[in-house]
C-alpha atoms as a PDB file:
ATOM      1  CA  MET A   1       0.000   0.000   0.000  1.00  0.00           C
ATOM      2  CA  VAL A   2       1.260   3.469  -0.881  1.00  0.00           C
ATOM      3  CA  GLU A   3       0.410   6.215   1.578  1.00  0.00           C
ATOM      4  CA  ALA A   4      -0.053   9.708   0.201  1.00  0.00           C
ATOM      5  CA  ASP A   5       2.180  12.296   1.827  1.00  0.00           C
ATOM      6  CA  PHE A   6       1.102  15.862   1.163  1.00  0.00           C
ATOM      7  CA  SER A   7       3.511  17.463   3.602  1.00  0.00           C
ATOM      8  CA  GLY A   8       6.137  17.765   0.852  1.00  0.00           C
ATOM      9  CA  ASP A   9       7.316  20.914  -0.885  1.00  0.00           C
ATOM     10  CA  PHE A  10       3.916  22.572  -1.357  1.00  0.00           C
ATOM     11  CA  GLU A  11       1.900  24.550   1.180  1.00  0.00           C
ATOM     12  CA  ASN A  12      -1.431  22.838   1.841  1.00  0.00           C
ATOM     13  CA  GLU A  13      -4.017  22.244   4.533  1.00  0.00           C
ATOM     14  CA  GLU A  14      -1.942  19.378   5.953  1.00  0.00           C
ATOM     15  CA  ASN A  15       0.988  21.637   6.866  1.00  0.00           C
ATOM     16  CA  THR A  16      -0.723  24.998   7.404  1.00  0.00           C
ATOM     17  CA  SER A  17      -2.873  26.164  10.273  1.00  0.00           C
ATOM     18  CA  GLU A  18      -5.438  28.920  10.147  1.00  0.00           C
ATOM     19  CA  GLY A  19      -3.754  32.195  11.002  1.00  0.00           C
ATOM     20  CA  ASP A  20      -0.234  31.105   9.977  1.00  0.00           C
ATOM     21  CA  ILE A  21       1.828  33.916   8.479  1.00  0.00           C
ATOM     22  CA  LEU A  22       3.397  33.000   5.137  1.00  0.00           C
ATOM     23  CA  VAL A  23       6.363  35.139   4.064  1.00  0.00           C
ATOM     24  CA  ILE A  24       7.046  35.368   0.332  1.00  0.00           C
ATOM     25  CA  THR A  25      10.773  34.711  -0.079  1.00  0.00           C
ATOM     26  CA  ALA A  26      11.409  35.266  -3.814  1.00  0.00           C
ATOM     27  CA  GLU A  27       9.867  36.072  -7.180  1.00  0.00           C
ATOM     28  CA  ALA A  28       7.129  33.668  -8.301  1.00  0.00           C
ATOM     29  CA  THR A  29       7.469  31.386 -11.331  1.00  0.00           C
ATOM     30  CA  TYR A  30       5.028  29.681 -13.655  1.00  0.00           C
ATOM     31  CA  SER A  31       4.978  25.961 -14.320  1.00  0.00           C
ATOM     32  CA  GLU A  32       2.746  23.741 -16.434  1.00  0.00           C
ATOM     33  CA  ILE A  33       0.669  20.946 -14.995  1.00  0.00           C
ATOM     34  CA  THR A  34      -1.380  18.340 -16.816  1.00  0.00           C
ATOM     35  CA  LYS A  35      -4.898  18.054 -15.492  1.00  0.00           C
ATOM     36  CA  ARG A  36      -6.756  14.756 -15.209  1.00  0.00           C
ATOM     37  CA  ASP A  37      -8.565  15.440 -18.471  1.00  0.00           C
ATOM     38  CA  GLY A  38      -5.218  15.759 -20.270  1.00  0.00           C
ATOM     39  CA  ASN A  39      -5.375  19.530 -20.680  1.00  0.00           C
ATOM     40  CA  VAL A  40      -2.307  21.507 -19.691  1.00  0.00           C
ATOM     41  CA  LYS A  41      -2.567  24.674 -17.619  1.00  0.00           C
ATOM     42  CA  GLN A  42      -0.108  27.112 -16.133  1.00  0.00           C
ATOM     43  CA  VAL A  43       0.041  27.609 -12.378  1.00  0.00           C
ATOM     44  CA  LEU A  44       1.852  30.263 -10.396  1.00  0.00           C
ATOM     45  CA  ASN A  45       4.308  28.949  -7.801  1.00  0.00           C
ATOM     46  CA  VAL A  46       5.172  31.379  -5.015  1.00  0.00           C
ATOM     47  CA  PRO A  47       8.151  30.507  -2.792  1.00  0.00           C
ATOM     48  CA  ILE A  48       7.175  31.082   0.837  1.00  0.00           C
ATOM     49  CA  GLU A  49       8.333  30.352   4.346  1.00  0.00           C
ATOM     50  CA  ASN A  50       5.927  29.192   7.046  1.00  0.00           C
ATOM     51  CA  ASN A  51       7.217  28.861  10.597  1.00  0.00           C
ATOM     52  CA  GLY A  52      10.792  28.652   9.321  1.00  0.00           C
ATOM     53  CA  VAL A  53      10.006  25.953   6.736  1.00  0.00           C
ATOM     54  CA  LYS A  54      10.412  26.744   3.029  1.00  0.00           C
ATOM     55  CA  LYS A  55       7.511  25.666   0.840  1.00  0.00           C
ATOM     56  CA  THR A  56       5.832  26.556  -2.446  1.00  0.00           C
ATOM     57  CA  TYR A  57       2.398  28.150  -2.456  1.00  0.00           C
ATOM     58  CA  THR A  58       0.259  27.740  -5.571  1.00  0.00           C
ATOM     59  CA  PRO A  59      -2.671  30.122  -5.119  1.00  0.00           C
ATOM     60  CA  SER A  60      -6.100  29.483  -6.567  1.00  0.00           C
ATOM     61  CA  ARG A  61      -7.356  31.913  -9.184  1.00  0.00           C
ATOM     62  CA  ASP A  62      -9.292  33.912  -6.573  1.00  0.00           C
ATOM     63  CA  ALA A  63      -6.392  33.954  -4.109  1.00  0.00           C
ATOM     64  CA  GLY A  64      -4.027  34.999  -6.897  1.00  0.00           C
ATOM     65  CA  LYS A  65      -6.282  37.897  -7.836  1.00  0.00           C
ATOM     66  CA  ALA A  66      -6.396  39.010  -4.196  1.00  0.00           C
ATOM     67  CA  ILE A  67      -2.592  38.928  -3.983  1.00  0.00           C
ATOM     68  CA  VAL A  68      -2.313  41.008  -7.180  1.00  0.00           C
ATOM     69  CA  ARG A  69      -4.779  43.563  -5.749  1.00  0.00           C
ATOM     70  CA  ALA A  70      -2.735  43.779  -2.557  1.00  0.00           C
ATOM     71  CA  PHE A  71       0.828  43.718  -3.931  1.00  0.00           C
ATOM     72  CA  GLY A  72       0.616  44.467  -7.676  1.00  0.00           C
ATOM     73  CA  LYS A  73       1.319  42.332 -10.766  1.00  0.00           C
ATOM     74  CA  ASN A  74       5.120  42.232 -10.553  1.00  0.00           C
ATOM     75  CA  THR A  75       5.854  39.172  -8.410  1.00  0.00           C
ATOM     76  CA  LYS A  76       9.394  40.401  -7.754  1.00  0.00           C
ATOM     77  CA  ASP A  77       7.792  43.150  -5.649  1.00  0.00           C
ATOM     78  CA  TRP A  78       6.073  40.496  -3.510  1.00  0.00           C
ATOM     79  CA  THR A  79       9.353  39.394  -1.918  1.00  0.00           C
ATOM     80  CA  GLY A  80       9.190  39.975   1.845  1.00  0.00           C
ATOM     81  CA  LYS A  81       5.414  40.480   1.833  1.00  0.00           C
ATOM     82  CA  LYS A  82       3.275  38.455   4.239  1.00  0.00           C
ATOM     83  CA  LEU A  83       0.084  36.478   3.703  1.00  0.00           C
ATOM     84  CA  GLN A  84      -2.173  35.083   6.412  1.00  0.00           C
ATOM     85  CA  ALA A  85      -3.516  31.562   5.993  1.00  0.00           C
END
Protein backbone atom coordinates (compact mmCIF):
# COMPACT_ATOMS: atom_id res chain seq x y z
CA MET A 1 0.00 0.00 0.00
CA VAL A 2 1.26 3.47 -0.88
CA GLU A 3 0.41 6.22 1.58
CA ALA A 4 -0.05 9.71 0.20
CA ASP A 5 2.18 12.30 1.83
CA PHE A 6 1.10 15.86 1.16
CA SER A 7 3.51 17.46 3.60
CA GLY A 8 6.14 17.77 0.85
CA ASP A 9 7.32 20.91 -0.89
CA PHE A 10 3.92 22.57 -1.36
CA GLU A 11 1.90 24.55 1.18
CA ASN A 12 -1.43 22.84 1.84
CA GLU A 13 -4.02 22.24 4.53
CA GLU A 14 -1.94 19.38 5.95
CA ASN A 15 0.99 21.64 6.87
CA THR A 16 -0.72 25.00 7.40
CA SER A 17 -2.87 26.16 10.27
CA GLU A 18 -5.44 28.92 10.15
CA GLY A 19 -3.75 32.20 11.00
CA ASP A 20 -0.23 31.11 9.98
CA ILE A 21 1.83 33.92 8.48
CA LEU A 22 3.40 33.00 5.14
CA VAL A 23 6.36 35.14 4.06
CA ILE A 24 7.05 35.37 0.33
CA THR A 25 10.77 34.71 -0.08
CA ALA A 26 11.41 35.27 -3.81
CA GLU A 27 9.87 36.07 -7.18
CA ALA A 28 7.13 33.67 -8.30
CA THR A 29 7.47 31.39 -11.33
CA TYR A 30 5.03 29.68 -13.65
CA SER A 31 4.98 25.96 -14.32
CA GLU A 32 2.75 23.74 -16.43
CA ILE A 33 0.67 20.95 -15.00
CA THR A 34 -1.38 18.34 -16.82
CA LYS A 35 -4.90 18.05 -15.49
CA ARG A 36 -6.76 14.76 -15.21
CA ASP A 37 -8.57 15.44 -18.47
CA GLY A 38 -5.22 15.76 -20.27
CA ASN A 39 -5.38 19.53 -20.68
CA VAL A 40 -2.31 21.51 -19.69
CA LYS A 41 -2.57 24.67 -17.62
CA GLN A 42 -0.11 27.11 -16.13
CA VAL A 43 0.04 27.61 -12.38
CA LEU A 44 1.85 30.26 -10.40
CA ASN A 45 4.31 28.95 -7.80
CA VAL A 46 5.17 31.38 -5.01
CA PRO A 47 8.15 30.51 -2.79
CA ILE A 48 7.17 31.08 0.84
CA GLU A 49 8.33 30.35 4.35
CA ASN A 50 5.93 29.19 7.05
CA ASN A 51 7.22 28.86 10.60
CA GLY A 52 10.79 28.65 9.32
CA VAL A 53 10.01 25.95 6.74
CA LYS A 54 10.41 26.74 3.03
CA LYS A 55 7.51 25.67 0.84
CA THR A 56 5.83 26.56 -2.45
CA TYR A 57 2.40 28.15 -2.46
CA THR A 58 0.26 27.74 -5.57
CA PRO A 59 -2.67 30.12 -5.12
CA SER A 60 -6.10 29.48 -6.57
CA ARG A 61 -7.36 31.91 -9.18
CA ASP A 62 -9.29 33.91 -6.57
CA ALA A 63 -6.39 33.95 -4.11
CA GLY A 64 -4.03 35.00 -6.90
CA LYS A 65 -6.28 37.90 -7.84
CA ALA A 66 -6.40 39.01 -4.20
CA ILE A 67 -2.59 38.93 -3.98
CA VAL A 68 -2.31 41.01 -7.18
CA ARG A 69 -4.78 43.56 -5.75
CA ALA A 70 -2.73 43.78 -2.56
CA PHE A 71 0.83 43.72 -3.93
CA GLY A 72 0.62 44.47 -7.68
CA LYS A 73 1.32 42.33 -10.77
CA ASN A 74 5.12 42.23 -10.55
CA THR A 75 5.85 39.17 -8.41
CA LYS A 76 9.39 40.40 -7.75
CA ASP A 77 7.79 43.15 -5.65
CA TRP A 78 6.07 40.50 -3.51
CA THR A 79 9.35 39.39 -1.92
CA GLY A 80 9.19 39.98 1.85
CA LYS A 81 5.41 40.48 1.83
CA LYS A 82 3.28 38.46 4.24
CA LEU A 83 0.08 36.48 3.70
CA GLN A 84 -2.17 35.08 6.41
CA ALA A 85 -3.52 31.56 5.99
